[in-house]
Amino acid sequence: MAAVTTDQGEIRYLNPPVLEVDREKYCRFKKMRMKHIDYKDPDFLMRFMNEQGKILPRRLTGTSVKYQRKVARAVKRARHLAFNDFCWRYAEIIKTAAPTLKGEGQ
């Protein structure tokens, strides 16, 4: 970051320093008083996964230990039963390629 000094000894920055404001993390399951995480709801589980299909860590989601374990178990069950794909990007490629594959067979 470049700094410019003036005659009075005052330092002014060309780009003002960025102050990061930390939001307070909270467990959304405790807040909504959820007891059960449904593995059959892929849209809800997708919030806890990145585009590569990996489960997001607690430090990013703010989920408590108890519910992070339940989320991980639900995601793994959904993957095993094919409710969720292992990789979202792969699913998008298959969806876009499917119409062209149908046209070639006819």
N, C-alpha and C. Protein backbone atom coordinates (compact mmCIF):
# COMPACT_ATOMS: atom_id res chain seq x y z
N MET A 1 0.86 -1.16 0.00
CA MET A 1 0.00 0.00 0.00
C MET A 1 0.90 1.22 0.00
N ALA A 2 0.70 2.10 -0.90
CA ALA A 2 1.54 3.28 -1.03
C ALA A 2 1.05 4.38 -0.09
N ALA A 3 2.03 5.03 0.55
CA ALA A 3 1.69 6.10 1.49
C ALA A 3 2.34 7.38 1.01
N VAL A 4 1.67 8.48 1.26
CA VAL A 4 2.17 9.80 0.89
C VAL A 4 2.27 10.62 2.16
N THR A 5 3.45 11.23 2.38
CA THR A 5 3.59 12.08 3.56
C THR A 5 3.44 13.53 3.14
N THR A 6 2.85 14.30 4.01
CA THR A 6 2.68 15.72 3.75
C THR A 6 3.64 16.51 4.63
N ASP A 7 3.60 17.82 4.54
CA ASP A 7 4.51 18.67 5.30
C ASP A 7 4.24 18.59 6.80
N GLN A 8 3.03 18.33 7.20
CA GLN A 8 2.69 18.29 8.62
C GLN A 8 3.05 16.95 9.27
N GLY A 9 3.61 16.01 8.52
CA GLY A 9 3.94 14.70 9.07
C GLY A 9 2.75 13.75 9.07
N GLU A 10 1.68 14.17 8.44
CA GLU A 10 0.47 13.35 8.38
C GLU A 10 0.63 12.34 7.24
N ILE A 11 0.24 11.11 7.49
CA ILE A 11 0.32 10.07 6.47
C ILE A 11 -1.06 9.86 5.89
N ARG A 12 -1.14 9.98 4.57
CA ARG A 12 -2.40 9.71 3.87
C ARG A 12 -2.15 8.58 2.89
N TYR A 13 -3.05 7.65 2.85
CA TYR A 13 -2.90 6.51 1.97
C TYR A 13 -3.62 6.78 0.66
N LEU A 14 -3.01 6.30 -0.44
CA LEU A 14 -3.67 6.43 -1.74
C LEU A 14 -4.93 5.57 -1.78
N ASN A 15 -4.83 4.37 -1.25
CA ASN A 15 -5.99 3.49 -1.09
C ASN A 15 -6.24 3.35 0.40
N PRO A 16 -7.39 3.73 0.88
CA PRO A 16 -7.63 3.67 2.32
C PRO A 16 -7.54 2.23 2.82
N PRO A 17 -7.01 2.02 4.02
CA PRO A 17 -6.91 0.66 4.56
C PRO A 17 -8.29 0.06 4.76
N VAL A 18 -8.39 -1.21 4.45
CA VAL A 18 -9.67 -1.92 4.55
C VAL A 18 -9.79 -2.49 5.95
N LEU A 19 -10.86 -2.14 6.62
CA LEU A 19 -11.14 -2.68 7.95
C LEU A 19 -12.18 -3.77 7.79
N GLU A 20 -11.79 -4.99 8.13
CA GLU A 20 -12.72 -6.10 8.01
C GLU A 20 -13.62 -6.14 9.24
N VAL A 21 -14.90 -6.24 8.98
CA VAL A 21 -15.87 -6.33 10.06
C VAL A 21 -16.26 -7.79 10.20
N ASP A 22 -15.96 -8.36 11.35
CA ASP A 22 -16.30 -9.76 11.58
C ASP A 22 -17.74 -9.87 12.06
N ARG A 23 -18.50 -10.67 11.34
CA ARG A 23 -19.86 -10.94 11.76
C ARG A 23 -19.82 -12.03 12.81
N GLU A 24 -20.73 -11.97 13.73
CA GLU A 24 -20.80 -12.99 14.77
C GLU A 24 -21.37 -14.26 14.16
N LYS A 25 -20.67 -15.36 14.32
CA LYS A 25 -21.13 -16.63 13.77
C LYS A 25 -22.16 -17.24 14.71
N TYR A 26 -23.12 -17.92 14.12
CA TYR A 26 -24.14 -18.60 14.91
C TYR A 26 -24.51 -19.90 14.21
N CYS A 27 -24.99 -20.82 14.99
CA CYS A 27 -25.43 -22.10 14.44
C CYS A 27 -26.89 -21.95 14.01
N ARG A 28 -27.13 -22.06 12.72
CA ARG A 28 -28.49 -21.86 12.22
C ARG A 28 -29.44 -22.96 12.69
N PHE A 29 -28.91 -24.13 13.03
CA PHE A 29 -29.75 -25.22 13.50
C PHE A 29 -30.24 -24.94 14.92
N LYS A 30 -29.36 -24.38 15.75
CA LYS A 30 -29.78 -24.02 17.11
C LYS A 30 -30.74 -22.85 17.08
N LYS A 31 -30.50 -21.91 16.17
CA LYS A 31 -31.36 -20.74 16.09
C LYS A 31 -32.78 -21.12 15.63
N MET A 32 -32.87 -22.04 14.66
CA MET A 32 -34.18 -22.47 14.16
C MET A 32 -34.74 -23.66 14.93
N ARG A 33 -33.98 -24.13 15.94
CA ARG A 33 -34.38 -25.26 16.78
C ARG A 33 -34.71 -26.51 15.97
N MET A 34 -33.81 -26.82 15.03
CA MET A 34 -33.98 -28.02 14.21
C MET A 34 -33.37 -29.21 14.94
N LYS A 35 -34.08 -30.30 14.96
CA LYS A 35 -33.59 -31.52 15.60
C LYS A 35 -33.04 -32.50 14.57
N HIS A 36 -33.60 -32.48 13.38
CA HIS A 36 -33.26 -33.47 12.36
C HIS A 36 -32.83 -32.77 11.07
N ILE A 37 -31.78 -33.26 10.45
CA ILE A 37 -31.34 -32.74 9.15
C ILE A 37 -31.73 -33.78 8.11
N ASP A 38 -32.56 -33.38 7.16
CA ASP A 38 -33.10 -34.31 6.18
C ASP A 38 -32.11 -34.51 5.04
N TYR A 39 -31.68 -35.75 4.85
CA TYR A 39 -30.73 -36.05 3.78
C TYR A 39 -31.40 -36.11 2.42
N LYS A 40 -32.74 -36.08 2.40
CA LYS A 40 -33.47 -36.15 1.14
C LYS A 40 -33.75 -34.77 0.54
N ASP A 41 -33.19 -33.73 1.13
CA ASP A 41 -33.38 -32.36 0.64
C ASP A 41 -32.05 -31.85 0.07
N PRO A 42 -31.78 -32.09 -1.20
CA PRO A 42 -30.47 -31.71 -1.77
C PRO A 42 -30.25 -30.20 -1.84
N ASP A 43 -31.31 -29.42 -1.99
CA ASP A 43 -31.14 -27.97 -2.06
C ASP A 43 -30.65 -27.40 -0.74
N PHE A 44 -31.14 -27.93 0.35
CA PHE A 44 -30.70 -27.48 1.67
C PHE A 44 -29.26 -27.91 1.94
N LEU A 45 -28.93 -29.13 1.58
CA LEU A 45 -27.58 -29.63 1.81
C LEU A 45 -26.55 -28.94 0.93
N MET A 46 -27.00 -28.42 -0.19
CA MET A 46 -26.07 -27.75 -1.11
C MET A 46 -25.48 -26.48 -0.48
N ARG A 47 -26.16 -25.90 0.51
CA ARG A 47 -25.65 -24.72 1.19
C ARG A 47 -24.38 -25.03 1.99
N PHE A 48 -24.19 -26.29 2.34
CA PHE A 48 -23.05 -26.70 3.15
C PHE A 48 -21.95 -27.35 2.32
N MET A 49 -22.05 -27.23 1.00
CA MET A 49 -21.05 -27.81 0.12
C MET A 49 -20.56 -26.76 -0.86
N ASN A 50 -19.30 -26.88 -1.28
CA ASN A 50 -18.80 -25.97 -2.30
C ASN A 50 -19.07 -26.55 -3.68
N GLU A 51 -18.64 -25.86 -4.74
CA GLU A 51 -18.95 -26.30 -6.10
C GLU A 51 -18.20 -27.57 -6.48
N GLN A 52 -17.18 -27.93 -5.72
CA GLN A 52 -16.46 -29.18 -5.98
C GLN A 52 -17.11 -30.36 -5.28
N GLY A 53 -18.11 -30.09 -4.45
CA GLY A 53 -18.80 -31.15 -3.75
C GLY A 53 -18.25 -31.44 -2.37
N LYS A 54 -17.31 -30.62 -1.91
CA LYS A 54 -16.72 -30.84 -0.59
C LYS A 54 -17.59 -30.18 0.48
N ILE A 55 -17.61 -30.78 1.65
CA ILE A 55 -18.37 -30.24 2.77
C ILE A 55 -17.62 -29.05 3.35
N LEU A 56 -18.31 -27.93 3.52
CA LEU A 56 -17.67 -26.73 4.05
C LEU A 56 -17.37 -26.90 5.55
N PRO A 57 -16.24 -26.36 6.00
CA PRO A 57 -15.89 -26.51 7.42
C PRO A 57 -16.72 -25.62 8.33
N ARG A 58 -16.67 -25.93 9.61
CA ARG A 58 -17.42 -25.19 10.62
C ARG A 58 -17.04 -23.73 10.67
N ARG A 59 -15.75 -23.43 10.48
CA ARG A 59 -15.30 -22.05 10.61
C ARG A 59 -15.90 -21.15 9.54
N LEU A 60 -16.36 -21.73 8.43
CA LEU A 60 -17.01 -20.94 7.38
C LEU A 60 -18.52 -20.88 7.57
N THR A 61 -19.12 -21.98 8.00
CA THR A 61 -20.59 -22.00 8.11
C THR A 61 -21.09 -21.54 9.47
N GLY A 62 -20.25 -21.67 10.51
CA GLY A 62 -20.67 -21.27 11.85
C GLY A 62 -21.50 -22.33 12.55
N THR A 63 -21.55 -23.52 11.99
CA THR A 63 -22.34 -24.60 12.57
C THR A 63 -21.63 -25.16 13.80
N SER A 64 -22.40 -25.56 14.80
CA SER A 64 -21.81 -26.15 16.00
C SER A 64 -21.30 -27.56 15.70
N VAL A 65 -20.51 -28.11 16.61
CA VAL A 65 -19.90 -29.43 16.40
C VAL A 65 -20.96 -30.51 16.22
N LYS A 66 -21.96 -30.47 17.07
CA LYS A 66 -23.02 -31.48 17.04
C LYS A 66 -23.71 -31.49 15.67
N TYR A 67 -24.08 -30.33 15.17
CA TYR A 67 -24.81 -30.27 13.92
C TYR A 67 -23.90 -30.40 12.70
N GLN A 68 -22.63 -30.07 12.84
CA GLN A 68 -21.69 -30.28 11.73
C GLN A 68 -21.55 -31.77 11.45
N ARG A 69 -21.52 -32.57 12.51
CA ARG A 69 -21.47 -34.02 12.33
C ARG A 69 -22.74 -34.54 11.65
N LYS A 70 -23.89 -33.98 12.06
CA LYS A 70 -25.15 -34.39 11.44
C LYS A 70 -25.21 -33.97 9.97
N VAL A 71 -24.68 -32.79 9.66
CA VAL A 71 -24.65 -32.32 8.26
C VAL A 71 -23.76 -33.24 7.44
N ALA A 72 -22.59 -33.58 7.97
CA ALA A 72 -21.68 -34.47 7.24
C ALA A 72 -22.32 -35.83 6.99
N ARG A 73 -23.00 -36.36 8.00
CA ARG A 73 -23.66 -37.65 7.84
C ARG A 73 -24.77 -37.56 6.80
N ALA A 74 -25.53 -36.47 6.81
CA ALA A 74 -26.63 -36.31 5.84
C ALA A 74 -26.09 -36.15 4.42
N VAL A 75 -25.01 -35.41 4.26
CA VAL A 75 -24.42 -35.22 2.92
C VAL A 75 -23.91 -36.56 2.39
N LYS A 76 -23.25 -37.33 3.25
CA LYS A 76 -22.72 -38.63 2.81
C LYS A 76 -23.84 -39.60 2.46
N ARG A 77 -24.92 -39.57 3.22
CA ARG A 77 -26.07 -40.43 2.90
C ARG A 77 -26.70 -40.01 1.58
N ALA A 78 -26.82 -38.71 1.37
CA ALA A 78 -27.43 -38.22 0.13
C ALA A 78 -26.56 -38.57 -1.08
N ARG A 79 -25.26 -38.51 -0.91
CA ARG A 79 -24.36 -38.92 -2.00
C ARG A 79 -24.53 -40.40 -2.31
N HIS A 80 -24.57 -41.20 -1.27
CA HIS A 80 -24.65 -42.65 -1.45
C HIS A 80 -25.95 -43.06 -2.12
N LEU A 81 -27.05 -42.41 -1.79
CA LEU A 81 -28.34 -42.73 -2.37
C LEU A 81 -28.63 -41.93 -3.64
N ALA A 82 -27.65 -41.15 -4.11
CA ALA A 82 -27.72 -40.38 -5.36
C ALA A 82 -28.74 -39.25 -5.31
N PHE A 83 -29.02 -38.72 -4.11
CA PHE A 83 -29.82 -37.50 -4.03
C PHE A 83 -28.94 -36.30 -4.39
N ASN A 84 -27.70 -36.35 -3.97
CA ASN A 84 -26.71 -35.32 -4.30
C ASN A 84 -25.63 -35.95 -5.16
N ASP A 85 -25.05 -35.16 -6.03
CA ASP A 85 -23.92 -35.62 -6.81
C ASP A 85 -22.66 -35.43 -5.99
N PHE A 86 -21.63 -36.18 -6.34
CA PHE A 86 -20.36 -36.01 -5.65
C PHE A 86 -19.71 -34.70 -6.07
N CYS A 87 -20.00 -34.26 -7.27
CA CYS A 87 -19.41 -33.01 -7.78
C CYS A 87 -20.48 -32.25 -8.55
N TRP A 88 -20.77 -31.02 -8.15
CA TRP A 88 -21.83 -30.24 -8.80
C TRP A 88 -21.45 -29.88 -10.22
N ARG A 89 -20.18 -29.59 -10.46
CA ARG A 89 -19.74 -29.19 -11.80
C ARG A 89 -19.94 -30.34 -12.78
N TYR A 90 -19.67 -31.57 -12.35
CA TYR A 90 -19.88 -32.74 -13.20
C TYR A 90 -21.35 -32.88 -13.55
N ALA A 91 -22.22 -32.61 -12.59
CA ALA A 91 -23.66 -32.70 -12.85
C ALA A 91 -24.10 -31.67 -13.88
N GLU A 92 -23.52 -30.46 -13.83
CA GLU A 92 -23.86 -29.43 -14.81
C GLU A 92 -23.41 -29.83 -16.21
N ILE A 93 -22.25 -30.48 -16.32
CA ILE A 93 -21.74 -30.93 -17.62
C ILE A 93 -22.66 -31.99 -18.20
N ILE A 94 -23.09 -32.90 -17.36
CA ILE A 94 -23.98 -33.97 -17.81
C ILE A 94 -25.32 -33.39 -18.27
N LYS A 95 -25.85 -32.42 -17.53
CA LYS A 95 -27.14 -31.82 -17.90
C LYS A 95 -27.06 -31.08 -19.23
N THR A 96 -25.95 -30.40 -19.49
CA THR A 96 -25.82 -29.68 -20.75
C THR A 96 -25.53 -30.61 -21.91
N ALA A 97 -24.88 -31.75 -21.65
CA ALA A 97 -24.55 -32.68 -22.72
C ALA A 97 -25.70 -33.63 -23.02
N ALA A 98 -26.64 -33.79 -22.12
CA ALA A 98 -27.73 -34.75 -22.30
C ALA A 98 -28.58 -34.47 -23.54
N PRO A 99 -28.98 -33.22 -23.84
CA PRO A 99 -29.79 -33.00 -25.05
C PRO A 99 -29.04 -33.38 -26.33
N THR A 100 -27.74 -33.17 -26.39
CA THR A 100 -27.00 -33.52 -27.60
C THR A 100 -26.86 -35.02 -27.74
N LEU A 101 -26.77 -35.74 -26.63
CA LEU A 101 -26.67 -37.19 -26.70
C LEU A 101 -27.97 -37.80 -27.17
N LYS A 102 -29.11 -37.21 -26.77
CA LYS A 102 -30.40 -37.74 -27.21
C LYS A 102 -30.59 -37.55 -28.71
N GLY A 103 -30.11 -36.45 -29.25
CA GLY A 103 -30.26 -36.16 -30.67
C GLY A 103 -29.41 -37.05 -31.55
N GLU A 104 -28.30 -37.55 -31.07
CA GLU A 104 -27.42 -38.40 -31.88
C GLU A 104 -27.98 -39.80 -32.07
N GLY A 105 -28.71 -40.31 -31.10
CA GLY A 105 -29.21 -41.68 -31.17
C GLY A 105 -30.40 -41.83 -32.11
N GLN A 106 -31.05 -40.78 -32.48
CA GLN A 106 -32.27 -40.89 -33.29
C GLN A 106 -32.01 -40.72 -34.74
